[in-house]
Amino acid sequence: MFERIVILCNPGSTGAHKTDHRIYELHKLLPDAKIVKIRTSPDGYAANVAILNANRYLFGEKTLLCIAGGDGTVNLAVNYLLAESALSAEALRMRVQTAEDRPGASGCRRARLPSPAP
């Protein structure tokens, strides 16, 4: 089970108003998990990499990374996790899901990061 849920949210995305409700739902499903919300910046990729670097200690095998944003936010997260960061092998085993991942949702996007090379 997850010990921590990290929500990477883009406050400028079309569905940003749904984020707090999704967080409430997560609290009900996983009441013992610590939930942390990280907001992206409109100041570009480098600014967002700096935000993620400042919070990389949150990422681990028992972390669920939820992305509350559009394709650009998903792209940011995947690029960061696979190319930009010096994350531990444990961190690269975390689950990544978008805010639309729920039974019956259209357009569900899920990612399981590849296992690091031995």
N, C-alpha and C. Protein backbone atom coordinates (compact mmCIF):
# COMPACT_ATOMS: atom_id res chain seq x y z
N MET A 1 0.85 -1.19 0.00
CA MET A 1 0.00 0.00 0.00
C MET A 1 0.88 1.24 0.00
N PHE A 2 0.31 2.33 -0.39
CA PHE A 2 1.05 3.58 -0.48
C PHE A 2 1.12 4.28 0.87
N GLU A 3 2.30 4.77 1.18
CA GLU A 3 2.49 5.56 2.40
C GLU A 3 2.35 7.04 2.11
N ARG A 4 2.57 7.40 0.87
CA ARG A 4 2.57 8.81 0.50
C ARG A 4 1.95 8.96 -0.88
N ILE A 5 1.16 10.00 -1.04
CA ILE A 5 0.59 10.35 -2.33
C ILE A 5 1.07 11.76 -2.65
N VAL A 6 1.72 11.89 -3.79
CA VAL A 6 2.18 13.19 -4.25
C VAL A 6 1.32 13.59 -5.43
N ILE A 7 0.68 14.74 -5.32
CA ILE A 7 -0.16 15.26 -6.40
C ILE A 7 0.64 16.36 -7.11
N LEU A 8 0.98 16.13 -8.36
CA LEU A 8 1.62 17.16 -9.17
C LEU A 8 0.50 17.83 -9.94
N CYS A 9 0.21 19.08 -9.57
CA CYS A 9 -0.94 19.73 -10.19
C CYS A 9 -0.54 21.01 -10.90
N ASN A 10 -1.21 21.22 -12.00
CA ASN A 10 -1.05 22.43 -12.79
C ASN A 10 -2.25 23.32 -12.49
N PRO A 11 -2.06 24.38 -11.71
CA PRO A 11 -3.20 25.23 -11.36
C PRO A 11 -3.81 25.95 -12.55
N GLY A 12 -3.11 25.96 -13.68
CA GLY A 12 -3.64 26.61 -14.88
C GLY A 12 -4.36 25.67 -15.83
N SER A 13 -4.44 24.38 -15.48
CA SER A 13 -5.09 23.44 -16.40
C SER A 13 -6.61 23.60 -16.35
N THR A 14 -7.24 23.12 -17.40
CA THR A 14 -8.69 23.25 -17.52
C THR A 14 -9.43 22.60 -16.36
N GLY A 15 -8.95 21.45 -15.90
CA GLY A 15 -9.63 20.72 -14.84
C GLY A 15 -9.08 20.97 -13.44
N ALA A 16 -8.31 22.04 -13.26
CA ALA A 16 -7.68 22.31 -11.96
C ALA A 16 -8.70 22.41 -10.83
N HIS A 17 -9.89 22.86 -11.14
CA HIS A 17 -10.91 23.01 -10.11
C HIS A 17 -11.33 21.66 -9.51
N LYS A 18 -11.01 20.55 -10.17
CA LYS A 18 -11.38 19.22 -9.67
C LYS A 18 -10.35 18.65 -8.70
N THR A 19 -9.17 19.25 -8.63
CA THR A 19 -8.07 18.67 -7.87
C THR A 19 -8.41 18.48 -6.40
N ASP A 20 -8.95 19.49 -5.75
CA ASP A 20 -9.24 19.38 -4.32
C ASP A 20 -10.27 18.27 -4.03
N HIS A 21 -11.22 18.10 -4.93
CA HIS A 21 -12.20 17.02 -4.75
C HIS A 21 -11.51 15.66 -4.87
N ARG A 22 -10.60 15.53 -5.83
CA ARG A 22 -9.85 14.28 -6.00
C ARG A 22 -9.00 13.99 -4.75
N ILE A 23 -8.41 15.02 -4.19
CA ILE A 23 -7.61 14.85 -2.98
C ILE A 23 -8.51 14.37 -1.83
N TYR A 24 -9.68 14.93 -1.72
CA TYR A 24 -10.65 14.50 -0.72
C TYR A 24 -10.98 13.01 -0.90
N GLU A 25 -11.20 12.59 -2.16
CA GLU A 25 -11.49 11.18 -2.45
C GLU A 25 -10.31 10.29 -2.05
N LEU A 26 -9.09 10.74 -2.33
CA LEU A 26 -7.91 9.97 -1.95
C LEU A 26 -7.81 9.83 -0.43
N HIS A 27 -8.13 10.91 0.30
CA HIS A 27 -8.12 10.84 1.77
C HIS A 27 -9.08 9.77 2.27
N LYS A 28 -10.23 9.66 1.62
CA LYS A 28 -11.21 8.65 2.04
C LYS A 28 -10.71 7.24 1.72
N LEU A 29 -10.07 7.06 0.57
CA LEU A 29 -9.59 5.74 0.16
C LEU A 29 -8.36 5.29 0.94
N LEU A 30 -7.46 6.24 1.22
CA LEU A 30 -6.19 5.93 1.89
C LEU A 30 -6.00 6.88 3.07
N PRO A 31 -6.77 6.68 4.14
CA PRO A 31 -6.75 7.64 5.25
C PRO A 31 -5.41 7.75 5.97
N ASP A 32 -4.58 6.72 5.90
CA ASP A 32 -3.30 6.75 6.60
C ASP A 32 -2.16 7.31 5.75
N ALA A 33 -2.41 7.54 4.48
CA ALA A 33 -1.36 8.04 3.59
C ALA A 33 -1.18 9.55 3.76
N LYS A 34 0.05 9.97 3.69
CA LYS A 34 0.35 11.40 3.71
C LYS A 34 0.15 11.91 2.28
N ILE A 35 -0.61 12.99 2.12
CA ILE A 35 -0.86 13.55 0.79
C ILE A 35 -0.18 14.91 0.69
N VAL A 36 0.63 15.04 -0.35
CA VAL A 36 1.38 16.27 -0.59
C VAL A 36 1.02 16.79 -1.98
N LYS A 37 0.71 18.08 -2.05
CA LYS A 37 0.34 18.72 -3.32
C LYS A 37 1.51 19.60 -3.78
N ILE A 38 2.00 19.35 -4.99
CA ILE A 38 3.06 20.16 -5.59
C ILE A 38 2.46 20.88 -6.79
N ARG A 39 2.54 22.20 -6.78
CA ARG A 39 1.99 22.99 -7.89
C ARG A 39 3.08 23.31 -8.91
N THR A 40 2.74 23.14 -10.18
CA THR A 40 3.68 23.51 -11.24
C THR A 40 3.69 25.02 -11.39
N SER A 41 4.70 25.50 -12.12
CA SER A 41 4.87 26.93 -12.35
C SER A 41 4.64 27.25 -13.82
N PRO A 42 4.10 28.42 -14.12
CA PRO A 42 3.96 28.83 -15.52
C PRO A 42 5.27 29.35 -16.11
N ASP A 43 6.36 29.30 -15.33
CA ASP A 43 7.64 29.88 -15.74
C ASP A 43 8.52 28.95 -16.55
N GLY A 44 7.98 27.85 -17.05
CA GLY A 44 8.72 27.00 -17.96
C GLY A 44 9.31 25.75 -17.33
N TYR A 45 9.91 24.95 -18.21
CA TYR A 45 10.43 23.64 -17.82
C TYR A 45 11.48 23.72 -16.73
N ALA A 46 12.44 24.62 -16.87
CA ALA A 46 13.53 24.72 -15.88
C ALA A 46 12.98 25.06 -14.49
N ALA A 47 12.01 25.94 -14.43
CA ALA A 47 11.40 26.30 -13.14
C ALA A 47 10.70 25.09 -12.52
N ASN A 48 10.05 24.28 -13.34
CA ASN A 48 9.36 23.11 -12.84
C ASN A 48 10.33 22.00 -12.43
N VAL A 49 11.43 21.88 -13.13
CA VAL A 49 12.46 20.92 -12.72
C VAL A 49 13.00 21.32 -11.35
N ALA A 50 13.20 22.61 -11.13
CA ALA A 50 13.67 23.08 -9.83
C ALA A 50 12.66 22.74 -8.73
N ILE A 51 11.38 22.90 -9.01
CA ILE A 51 10.33 22.55 -8.03
C ILE A 51 10.38 21.06 -7.73
N LEU A 52 10.48 20.24 -8.77
CA LEU A 52 10.53 18.79 -8.56
C LEU A 52 11.80 18.37 -7.84
N ASN A 53 12.92 18.98 -8.17
CA ASN A 53 14.17 18.67 -7.47
C ASN A 53 14.06 18.98 -5.98
N ALA A 54 13.42 20.09 -5.65
CA ALA A 54 13.25 20.46 -4.25
C ALA A 54 12.37 19.47 -3.49
N ASN A 55 11.56 18.71 -4.22
CA ASN A 55 10.63 17.76 -3.59
C ASN A 55 10.96 16.30 -3.88
N ARG A 56 12.10 16.02 -4.49
CA ARG A 56 12.39 14.65 -4.90
C ARG A 56 12.51 13.67 -3.73
N TYR A 57 12.77 14.18 -2.55
CA TYR A 57 12.83 13.30 -1.37
C TYR A 57 11.49 12.62 -1.11
N LEU A 58 10.42 13.13 -1.68
CA LEU A 58 9.09 12.55 -1.49
C LEU A 58 8.87 11.29 -2.32
N PHE A 59 9.66 11.12 -3.38
CA PHE A 59 9.44 10.01 -4.31
C PHE A 59 10.09 8.73 -3.80
N GLY A 60 9.35 7.65 -3.82
CA GLY A 60 9.85 6.35 -3.38
C GLY A 60 8.93 5.24 -3.82
N GLU A 61 9.31 4.03 -3.52
CA GLU A 61 8.56 2.86 -3.97
C GLU A 61 7.14 2.84 -3.40
N LYS A 62 6.93 3.41 -2.22
CA LYS A 62 5.60 3.43 -1.61
C LYS A 62 4.91 4.77 -1.83
N THR A 63 5.31 5.45 -2.92
CA THR A 63 4.71 6.73 -3.29
C THR A 63 3.84 6.53 -4.52
N LEU A 64 2.66 7.10 -4.48
CA LEU A 64 1.80 7.18 -5.66
C LEU A 64 1.89 8.61 -6.15
N LEU A 65 2.35 8.78 -7.37
CA LEU A 65 2.41 10.11 -7.98
C LEU A 65 1.19 10.29 -8.85
N CYS A 66 0.34 11.23 -8.48
CA CYS A 66 -0.86 11.54 -9.25
C CYS A 66 -0.63 12.85 -9.98
N ILE A 67 -1.04 12.89 -11.22
CA ILE A 67 -0.84 14.07 -12.04
C ILE A 67 -2.19 14.70 -12.33
N ALA A 68 -2.39 15.89 -11.79
CA ALA A 68 -3.64 16.62 -11.98
C ALA A 68 -3.34 17.76 -12.95
N GLY A 69 -3.45 17.45 -14.21
CA GLY A 69 -3.15 18.42 -15.25
C GLY A 69 -3.35 17.75 -16.59
N GLY A 70 -2.95 18.42 -17.62
CA GLY A 70 -3.11 17.88 -18.96
C GLY A 70 -1.86 17.18 -19.45
N ASP A 71 -1.78 17.05 -20.77
CA ASP A 71 -0.66 16.36 -21.39
C ASP A 71 0.68 17.00 -21.06
N GLY A 72 0.72 18.32 -20.94
CA GLY A 72 1.96 19.01 -20.61
C GLY A 72 2.48 18.64 -19.23
N THR A 73 1.57 18.48 -18.28
CA THR A 73 1.97 18.11 -16.92
C THR A 73 2.43 16.66 -16.87
N VAL A 74 1.75 15.80 -17.62
CA VAL A 74 2.19 14.40 -17.73
C VAL A 74 3.57 14.36 -18.37
N ASN A 75 3.76 15.11 -19.44
CA ASN A 75 5.05 15.17 -20.13
C ASN A 75 6.15 15.65 -19.19
N LEU A 76 5.87 16.68 -18.42
CA LEU A 76 6.84 17.20 -17.45
C LEU A 76 7.25 16.11 -16.47
N ALA A 77 6.27 15.41 -15.91
CA ALA A 77 6.56 14.38 -14.90
C ALA A 77 7.39 13.24 -15.49
N VAL A 78 6.98 12.75 -16.63
CA VAL A 78 7.69 11.62 -17.24
C VAL A 78 9.10 12.03 -17.64
N ASN A 79 9.24 13.19 -18.27
CA ASN A 79 10.58 13.65 -18.64
C ASN A 79 11.47 13.84 -17.42
N TYR A 80 10.91 14.39 -16.38
CA TYR A 80 11.69 14.59 -15.16
C TYR A 80 12.13 13.25 -14.58
N LEU A 81 11.19 12.34 -14.45
CA LEU A 81 11.50 11.06 -13.82
C LEU A 81 12.48 10.22 -14.63
N LEU A 82 12.42 10.31 -15.94
CA LEU A 82 13.27 9.47 -16.76
C LEU A 82 14.56 10.15 -17.22
N ALA A 83 14.58 11.47 -17.29
CA ALA A 83 15.74 12.13 -17.89
C ALA A 83 16.45 13.14 -17.00
N GLU A 84 15.71 13.88 -16.22
CA GLU A 84 16.28 15.01 -15.52
C GLU A 84 16.81 14.69 -14.13
N SER A 85 16.21 13.74 -13.49
CA SER A 85 16.49 13.56 -12.07
C SER A 85 17.53 12.49 -11.81
N ALA A 86 18.10 12.58 -10.65
CA ALA A 86 19.02 11.55 -10.17
C ALA A 86 18.29 10.78 -9.07
N LEU A 87 17.12 10.27 -9.40
CA LEU A 87 16.31 9.57 -8.42
C LEU A 87 16.88 8.19 -8.15
N SER A 88 16.64 7.71 -6.96
CA SER A 88 17.10 6.38 -6.58
C SER A 88 16.30 5.32 -7.34
N ALA A 89 16.85 4.11 -7.36
CA ALA A 89 16.15 2.99 -7.97
C ALA A 89 14.80 2.78 -7.29
N GLU A 90 14.74 2.98 -5.98
CA GLU A 90 13.48 2.85 -5.24
C GLU A 90 12.45 3.86 -5.74
N ALA A 91 12.88 5.08 -5.95
CA ALA A 91 11.96 6.13 -6.40
C ALA A 91 11.41 5.82 -7.79
N LEU A 92 12.22 5.21 -8.63
CA LEU A 92 11.77 4.89 -9.98
C LEU A 92 10.78 3.74 -10.03
N ARG A 93 10.53 3.09 -8.91
CA ARG A 93 9.53 2.02 -8.85
C ARG A 93 8.17 2.52 -8.38
N MET A 94 8.00 3.82 -8.19
CA MET A 94 6.71 4.33 -7.73
C MET A 94 5.69 4.26 -8.85
N ARG A 95 4.44 4.29 -8.49
CA ARG A 95 3.34 4.28 -9.45
C ARG A 95 3.02 5.72 -9.85
N VAL A 96 2.67 5.90 -11.10
CA VAL A 96 2.29 7.22 -11.61
C VAL A 96 0.91 7.09 -12.22
N GLN A 97 -0.01 7.96 -11.81
CA GLN A 97 -1.36 7.95 -12.36
C GLN A 97 -1.84 9.38 -12.54
N THR A 98 -2.72 9.57 -13.52
CA THR A 98 -3.28 10.91 -13.71
C THR A 98 -4.55 11.04 -12.89
N ALA A 99 -5.05 12.25 -12.77
CA ALA A 99 -6.26 12.51 -11.99
C ALA A 99 -7.48 11.83 -12.59
N GLU A 100 -7.43 11.44 -13.85
CA GLU A 100 -8.57 10.79 -14.50
C GLU A 100 -8.54 9.28 -14.36
N ASP A 101 -7.57 8.71 -13.64
CA ASP A 101 -7.51 7.26 -13.45
C ASP A 101 -8.53 6.84 -12.42
N ARG A 102 -9.62 6.35 -12.90
CA ARG A 102 -10.65 5.80 -12.03
C ARG A 102 -11.51 4.88 -12.88
N PRO A 103 -12.15 3.91 -12.29
CA PRO A 103 -12.96 2.98 -13.09
C PRO A 103 -13.98 3.73 -13.94
N GLY A 104 -14.04 3.38 -15.21
CA GLY A 104 -15.02 3.97 -16.11
C GLY A 104 -14.62 5.30 -16.71
N ALA A 105 -13.47 5.83 -16.34
CA ALA A 105 -13.06 7.13 -16.89
C ALA A 105 -12.58 6.95 -18.31
N SER A 106 -12.91 7.91 -19.14
CA SER A 106 -12.38 7.86 -20.51
C SER A 106 -11.03 8.54 -20.51
N GLY A 107 -10.18 8.10 -21.38
CA GLY A 107 -8.87 8.72 -21.50
C GLY A 107 -7.93 8.43 -20.34
N CYS A 108 -8.09 7.31 -19.68
CA CYS A 108 -7.19 6.98 -18.57
C CYS A 108 -5.77 6.81 -19.07
N ARG A 109 -4.86 7.36 -18.32
CA ARG A 109 -3.45 7.22 -18.65
C ARG A 109 -2.73 6.72 -17.42
N ARG A 110 -2.04 5.62 -17.55
CA ARG A 110 -1.26 5.07 -16.45
C ARG A 110 0.14 4.79 -16.93
N ALA A 111 1.08 4.94 -16.05
CA ALA A 111 2.46 4.65 -16.41
C ALA A 111 3.12 3.88 -15.30
N ARG A 112 3.85 2.88 -15.66
CA ARG A 112 4.71 2.17 -14.72
C ARG A 112 6.11 2.43 -15.22
N LEU A 113 6.88 3.13 -14.43
CA LEU A 113 8.22 3.47 -14.86
C LEU A 113 9.05 2.22 -15.06
N PRO A 114 9.91 2.20 -16.09
CA PRO A 114 10.72 1.00 -16.32
C PRO A 114 11.68 0.76 -15.18
N SER A 115 11.99 -0.49 -14.95
CA SER A 115 12.95 -0.84 -13.92
C SER A 115 14.32 -0.31 -14.32
N PRO A 116 15.05 0.24 -13.34
CA PRO A 116 16.39 0.72 -13.66
C PRO A 116 17.30 -0.44 -14.05
N ALA A 117 18.24 -0.15 -14.94
CA ALA A 117 19.20 -1.17 -15.35
C ALA A 117 20.04 -1.61 -14.15
N PRO A 118 20.37 -2.90 -14.09
CA PRO A 118 21.16 -3.38 -12.94
C PRO A 118 22.55 -2.78 -12.92
